[in-house]
Amino acid sequence: MNISRWLPIGVLATASLFTFGRLSPTRAGTFDNVEVNTDNFIAVAAPFGEKKHQLLIIEQLSDRRPCWSESGSNPVVVEPLLLNFDFTGICGRSTDSNGYSIRMSDQDLGLDYILRVVERKGELVLVGTNTRNRNAPPIEIGRTGGISDGFMKIVLDPGWRFTRRMYQGRALGHIYLTIDSDAPATPAVSTSPQTQPEAPLREFDFTRPGAGTPSPANSQPLPPPPAPASLAPEDIVPTTPPLEESIPEEESPATRPQTPPPPPAPAPDSNRGIPVFVVPTK
């Protein structure tokens, strides 16, 4: 049996559960259902990931080839034979909330509940979980009666059966897990403010050890950072970029430092006579 061929389908089906599995309230209110031959259906706990399972519903559409086989008990091991051939028109399979949902007391609960396979007390249990109210109790639908490797049959609890969704008199491929009893009462969500605990809760701190980050519960004002040490003049880095020199080889007249010119030499006086040295005579 080629189980690895089936696993990618299960992973994609799980991802689509949170994206395309929702229907508008208008459409959900118009669906009806019709009874089917339950011998043509089987609910299977299909493995995916590491020790996880999800619901798989297989339908026998034609008697040309069997779509699955069963062996053993507690749990019943299922071999999905449809993996070994092209099952188009022979077998049908539903892998997510697009293909199945819960119907209780003629009410479609596909908008409020998702179907999950969980492990409890040595067996796998198919339960419906309310996604809108965590206080709502889960709905148990079936169980495997034990745990083994591979695919296992989910035996529906008394009162549960398969039905098919109908829309305006037309049968659809969507399968209901149906029971005639009412849905469990959903407790109202409390809106009163919750009482704060006496001691503040500690939050997880994911910083590396020794990083010095205090937890929120024991945080204290941090001391101011120490003043920077005085820098020597040669350590000071100017923050203003220097002026760009246009002439690197020599200074331009505009930027050359100006020195005061020397005082002009006195002009010769034309009215002043040439000095005459008089030598006295005896």
Protein backbone atom coordinates (compact mmCIF):
# COMPACT_ATOMS: atom_id res chain seq x y z
CA MET A 1 0.00 0.00 0.00
CA ASN A 2 1.43 3.34 -1.05
CA ILE A 3 0.65 5.45 2.00
CA SER A 4 3.11 8.20 1.00
CA ARG A 5 0.93 8.94 -2.00
CA TRP A 6 -1.96 9.79 0.29
CA LEU A 7 -0.12 11.95 2.82
CA PRO A 8 0.24 15.08 0.65
CA ILE A 9 -3.51 14.99 0.04
CA GLY A 10 -4.14 14.92 3.77
CA VAL A 11 -1.81 17.87 4.41
CA LEU A 12 -3.48 19.99 1.74
CA ALA A 13 -6.89 19.04 3.03
CA THR A 14 -5.97 20.17 6.53
CA ALA A 15 -4.75 23.53 5.25
CA SER A 16 -7.95 24.07 3.27
CA LEU A 17 -9.98 23.44 6.42
CA PHE A 18 -9.16 26.96 7.65
CA THR A 19 -9.51 28.72 4.33
CA PHE A 20 -12.35 27.33 2.23
CA GLY A 21 -14.35 25.31 4.73
CA ARG A 22 -16.68 28.15 5.75
CA LEU A 23 -20.06 28.77 4.17
CA SER A 24 -22.18 31.87 4.34
CA PRO A 25 -25.06 31.74 6.85
CA THR A 26 -27.52 32.27 4.00
CA ARG A 27 -26.40 29.16 2.16
CA ALA A 28 -26.14 27.03 5.29
CA GLY A 29 -29.80 27.65 6.09
CA THR A 30 -31.04 26.39 2.70
CA PHE A 31 -29.47 22.90 2.78
CA ASP A 32 -31.50 19.76 3.29
CA ASN A 33 -30.38 16.14 3.54
CA VAL A 34 -31.37 12.72 2.22
CA GLU A 35 -30.77 9.22 3.57
CA VAL A 36 -28.11 7.00 1.93
CA ASN A 37 -27.04 3.38 2.02
CA THR A 38 -24.60 3.46 4.92
CA ASP A 39 -22.89 0.29 3.68
CA ASN A 40 -21.39 2.37 0.88
CA PHE A 41 -19.59 4.66 3.33
CA ILE A 42 -16.79 4.33 5.83
CA ALA A 43 -15.25 6.85 8.24
CA VAL A 44 -11.50 6.41 8.47
CA ALA A 45 -8.84 7.85 10.78
CA ALA A 46 -6.17 8.68 8.20
CA PRO A 47 -2.62 9.27 9.48
CA PHE A 48 -0.73 12.43 8.64
CA GLY A 49 2.23 14.18 10.16
CA GLU A 50 3.75 12.69 13.30
CA LYS A 51 1.25 10.57 15.27
CA LYS A 52 -1.69 12.62 14.03
CA HIS A 53 -4.89 11.58 12.28
CA GLN A 54 -7.71 13.27 10.42
CA LEU A 55 -11.12 12.20 9.25
CA LEU A 56 -11.43 10.61 5.80
CA ILE A 57 -14.81 9.49 4.44
CA ILE A 58 -14.73 7.02 1.52
CA GLU A 59 -17.82 6.32 -0.57
CA GLN A 60 -18.33 3.34 -2.90
CA LEU A 61 -19.93 4.87 -6.01
CA SER A 62 -19.68 1.85 -8.31
CA ASP A 63 -19.23 -1.90 -7.83
CA ARG A 64 -16.59 -2.17 -10.53
CA ARG A 65 -13.79 -2.28 -7.96
CA PRO A 66 -13.77 -2.13 -4.15
CA CYS A 67 -12.59 1.17 -2.72
CA TRP A 68 -11.30 -0.21 0.60
CA SER A 69 -10.81 -3.40 2.57
CA GLU A 70 -11.05 -4.13 6.29
CA SER A 71 -9.18 -6.53 8.56
CA GLY A 72 -8.82 -7.21 12.28
CA SER A 73 -10.72 -5.70 15.16
CA ASN A 74 -10.17 -3.18 17.94
CA PRO A 75 -9.17 -1.37 15.83
CA VAL A 76 -10.32 -2.39 12.37
CA VAL A 77 -7.43 -1.76 9.99
CA VAL A 78 -8.46 -0.20 6.68
CA GLU A 79 -6.57 -0.46 3.42
CA PRO A 80 -7.61 2.36 1.06
CA LEU A 81 -7.62 0.43 -2.21
CA LEU A 82 -8.62 3.50 -4.21
CA LEU A 83 -4.99 4.62 -3.99
CA ASN A 84 -3.98 1.82 -6.33
CA PHE A 85 -6.06 2.83 -9.38
CA ASP A 86 -7.87 5.71 -11.01
CA PHE A 87 -10.99 5.83 -8.86
CA THR A 88 -12.85 8.45 -10.91
CA GLY A 89 -16.51 7.46 -11.01
CA ILE A 90 -15.80 4.44 -8.78
CA CYS A 91 -14.95 5.91 -5.39
CA GLY A 92 -15.63 9.18 -3.66
CA ARG A 93 -13.60 10.61 -0.83
CA SER A 94 -14.05 13.61 1.48
CA THR A 95 -11.00 14.93 3.27
CA ASP A 96 -12.02 18.24 4.90
CA SER A 97 -14.95 20.46 5.86
CA ASN A 98 -15.73 21.07 2.18
CA GLY A 99 -16.77 17.41 2.00
CA TYR A 100 -18.35 16.68 5.40
CA SER A 101 -19.92 18.33 8.43
CA ILE A 102 -22.22 17.64 11.40
CA ARG A 103 -26.01 17.71 11.20
CA MET A 104 -28.05 17.44 14.42
CA SER A 105 -31.84 17.64 14.74
CA ASP A 106 -32.10 18.74 11.08
CA GLN A 107 -29.66 21.60 11.70
CA ASP A 108 -26.42 22.07 9.75
CA LEU A 109 -23.63 22.77 12.24
CA GLY A 110 -20.91 23.23 9.65
CA LEU A 111 -20.51 26.92 10.53
CA ASP A 112 -19.92 26.26 14.23
CA TYR A 113 -18.20 22.87 14.53
CA ILE A 114 -15.18 21.25 12.99
CA LEU A 115 -14.49 17.51 13.01
CA ARG A 116 -11.28 16.31 14.65
CA VAL A 117 -9.72 12.95 15.49
CA VAL A 118 -8.19 12.94 18.97
CA GLU A 119 -6.57 10.27 21.11
CA ARG A 120 -8.34 9.37 24.36
CA LYS A 121 -7.72 6.43 26.68
CA GLY A 122 -6.00 4.20 24.19
CA GLU A 123 -8.24 4.86 21.17
CA LEU A 124 -8.99 7.54 18.61
CA VAL A 125 -12.24 9.45 18.99
CA LEU A 126 -14.02 11.49 16.33
CA VAL A 127 -15.32 14.68 17.97
CA GLY A 128 -16.96 17.90 16.87
CA THR A 129 -15.38 21.01 18.38
CA ASN A 130 -17.16 24.35 18.56
CA THR A 131 -14.94 27.01 17.01
CA ARG A 132 -16.98 29.97 18.23
CA ASN A 133 -17.34 29.13 21.90
CA ARG A 134 -14.63 27.29 23.78
CA ASN A 135 -17.04 26.64 26.65
CA ALA A 136 -19.24 24.45 24.45
CA PRO A 137 -18.80 20.73 25.19
CA PRO A 138 -17.37 18.58 22.36
CA ILE A 139 -19.66 16.23 20.45
CA GLU A 140 -18.47 12.62 20.35
CA ILE A 141 -19.43 10.86 17.13
CA GLY A 142 -17.39 7.65 16.85
CA ARG A 143 -14.24 5.80 17.89
CA THR A 144 -11.70 3.27 16.66
CA GLY A 145 -11.66 0.92 19.69
CA GLY A 146 -7.85 0.90 19.73
CA ILE A 147 -4.77 2.29 18.02
CA SER A 148 -2.54 0.80 15.36
CA ASP A 149 -0.36 2.00 12.52
CA GLY A 150 -1.94 3.12 9.30
CA PHE A 151 -5.60 3.70 8.53
CA MET A 152 -8.28 2.72 11.07
CA LYS A 153 -12.04 2.46 10.82
CA ILE A 154 -14.08 4.86 12.95
CA VAL A 155 -17.18 3.06 14.20
CA LEU A 156 -20.00 5.57 14.61
CA ASP A 157 -21.69 5.76 18.01
CA PRO A 158 -25.34 4.62 18.28
CA GLY A 159 -27.71 7.04 16.59
CA TRP A 160 -25.14 8.49 14.20
CA ARG A 161 -25.36 7.78 10.46
CA PHE A 162 -24.33 9.13 7.07
CA THR A 163 -26.66 11.34 5.00
CA ARG A 164 -26.13 13.41 1.88
CA ARG A 165 -26.57 17.16 1.54
CA MET A 166 -29.37 18.39 -0.72
CA TYR A 167 -29.84 21.80 -2.27
CA GLN A 168 -33.16 22.65 -3.94
CA GLY A 169 -33.84 18.98 -4.56
CA ARG A 170 -30.40 18.24 -6.01
CA ALA A 171 -28.03 15.79 -4.28
CA LEU A 172 -24.54 17.12 -3.59
CA GLY A 173 -21.27 15.39 -2.82
CA HIS A 174 -21.16 16.81 0.72
CA ILE A 175 -21.71 14.14 3.42
CA TYR A 176 -23.34 14.75 6.79
CA LEU A 177 -22.61 12.88 9.99
CA THR A 178 -26.20 12.97 11.16
CA ILE A 179 -28.12 12.34 14.38
CA ASP A 180 -31.69 13.19 15.27
CA SER A 181 -30.94 14.48 18.78
CA ASP A 182 -30.51 18.16 19.53
CA ALA A 183 -27.17 19.88 19.56
CA PRO A 184 -25.69 20.36 23.03
CA ALA A 185 -26.57 23.57 24.80
CA THR A 186 -23.85 26.14 24.33
CA PRO A 187 -22.97 28.09 27.49
CA ALA A 188 -23.01 31.82 27.05
CA VAL A 189 -19.66 33.50 26.90
CA SER A 190 -19.07 35.48 30.10
CA THR A 191 -18.52 39.20 29.54
CA SER A 192 -17.86 40.16 33.19
CA PRO A 193 -14.34 41.39 33.92
CA GLN A 194 -12.08 38.72 35.26
CA THR A 195 -10.50 39.05 38.69
CA GLN A 196 -6.84 39.81 38.46
CA PRO A 197 -4.54 37.42 40.33
CA GLU A 198 -2.87 38.67 43.45
CA ALA A 199 0.63 38.09 42.14
CA PRO A 200 1.47 39.24 38.62
CA LEU A 201 2.02 36.46 36.14
CA ARG A 202 5.51 36.01 34.78
CA GLU A 203 5.91 36.08 31.06
CA PHE A 204 8.33 33.88 29.24
CA ASP A 205 11.58 35.62 28.46
CA PHE A 206 13.23 34.27 25.36
CA THR A 207 16.41 36.33 25.60
CA ARG A 208 19.66 34.46 25.96
CA PRO A 209 20.96 33.85 29.53
CA GLY A 210 23.00 36.72 30.92
CA ALA A 211 21.48 39.29 28.59
CA GLY A 212 20.40 41.33 31.60
CA THR A 213 16.76 41.81 30.53
CA PRO A 214 14.53 41.64 33.62
CA SER A 215 11.22 39.81 33.55
CA PRO A 216 8.05 41.95 33.67
CA ALA A 217 7.24 40.77 37.20
CA ASN A 218 10.56 41.88 38.70
CA SER A 219 11.41 44.80 36.48
CA GLN A 220 13.08 47.76 38.21
CA PRO A 221 13.92 51.19 36.82
CA LEU A 222 17.21 50.91 35.02
CA PRO A 223 20.02 53.27 36.15
CA PRO A 224 20.87 56.03 33.69
CA PRO A 225 23.70 55.17 31.32
CA PRO A 226 27.14 56.41 32.42
CA ALA A 227 28.29 59.69 30.98
CA PRO A 228 30.76 59.26 28.14
CA ALA A 229 34.40 59.70 29.06
CA SER A 230 36.03 62.98 28.05
CA LEU A 231 37.75 62.75 24.73
CA ALA A 232 41.15 64.05 23.94
CA PRO A 233 41.30 66.71 21.19
CA GLU A 234 42.80 64.22 18.81
CA ASP A 235 39.90 61.79 19.46
CA ILE A 236 37.20 64.27 18.52
CA VAL A 237 35.76 63.50 15.14
CA PRO A 238 34.17 66.49 13.42
CA THR A 239 30.55 65.94 12.48
CA THR A 240 30.52 68.69 9.82
CA PRO A 241 32.12 67.58 6.56
CA PRO A 242 35.07 69.75 5.46
CA LEU A 243 34.61 72.24 2.67
CA GLU A 244 35.34 70.87 -0.73
CA GLU A 245 38.40 72.40 -2.26
CA SER A 246 38.03 73.34 -5.88
CA ILE A 247 41.76 73.59 -6.57
CA PRO A 248 43.66 70.83 -4.77
CA GLU A 249 47.10 71.86 -6.01
CA GLU A 250 47.00 75.52 -4.99
CA GLU A 251 44.64 77.79 -3.24
CA SER A 252 42.14 79.73 -5.25
CA PRO A 253 42.02 83.52 -4.86
CA ALA A 254 38.63 83.27 -3.19
CA THR A 255 39.78 80.84 -0.51
CA ARG A 256 43.44 82.00 -0.14
CA PRO A 257 43.90 83.70 3.25
CA GLN A 258 44.34 87.45 2.73
CA THR A 259 47.26 89.24 4.44
CA PRO A 260 47.27 93.03 4.84
CA PRO A 261 49.39 94.71 2.14
CA PRO A 262 52.60 96.48 3.21
CA PRO A 263 52.33 100.26 3.65
CA PRO A 264 53.18 102.13 0.45
CA ALA A 265 56.52 103.84 0.20
CA PRO A 266 56.34 107.62 0.64
CA ALA A 267 56.27 109.43 -2.63
CA PRO A 268 59.11 111.90 -3.25
CA ASP A 269 58.22 115.50 -2.38
CA SER A 270 58.95 117.81 -5.23
CA ASN A 271 58.94 120.93 -3.00
CA ARG A 272 61.49 119.60 -0.62
CA GLY A 273 64.97 120.51 -1.59
CA ILE A 274 67.95 118.28 -1.59
CA PRO A 275 69.63 118.57 1.76
CA VAL A 276 72.88 120.58 1.64
CA PHE A 277 75.57 119.95 4.14
CA VAL A 278 77.25 123.23 5.05
CA VAL A 279 80.82 122.97 6.11
CA PRO A 280 81.80 125.87 8.34
CA THR A 281 84.98 127.79 7.43
CA LYS A 282 87.47 129.21 9.67
